[in-house]
Amino acid sequence: MGYPMWYVVFLKIGNMSTFVNETIPADVEPVWCYEVLLNHNSNTTIPITVSLNRTGTNVRLIFELWTINEHGELTYHNRWVHLWINVTKPTI
């Protein structure tokens, strides 16, 4: 980018029918959000812990990257990644 960027990472919970791509974010409310201001050519690692309150197979953890533009508007940055998981009940 050549200048500092204000990034927002959203975590959304989806399934096999949740659509997301480079131009369309997932139409699901975020369950987690992280904001960070990064200087040019810098990065950060954000460890998270996710607790889900229901079981299921083929649960999709979708991480989307958004930016706050120069006008203060939240804009989808066309970058996302997902992780497929199966959620089971904890053993007691």
Foldseek 3Di string as FASTA:
>chain_A
DQFKWKKKKFKFKDAPPFDDALQRHTPGDGPDMDIDIDGPPDDDDDDDDDDDDDWAFRIKTKIFMWTQDPVRDIGGRSDMDIDTDGGDDDDD
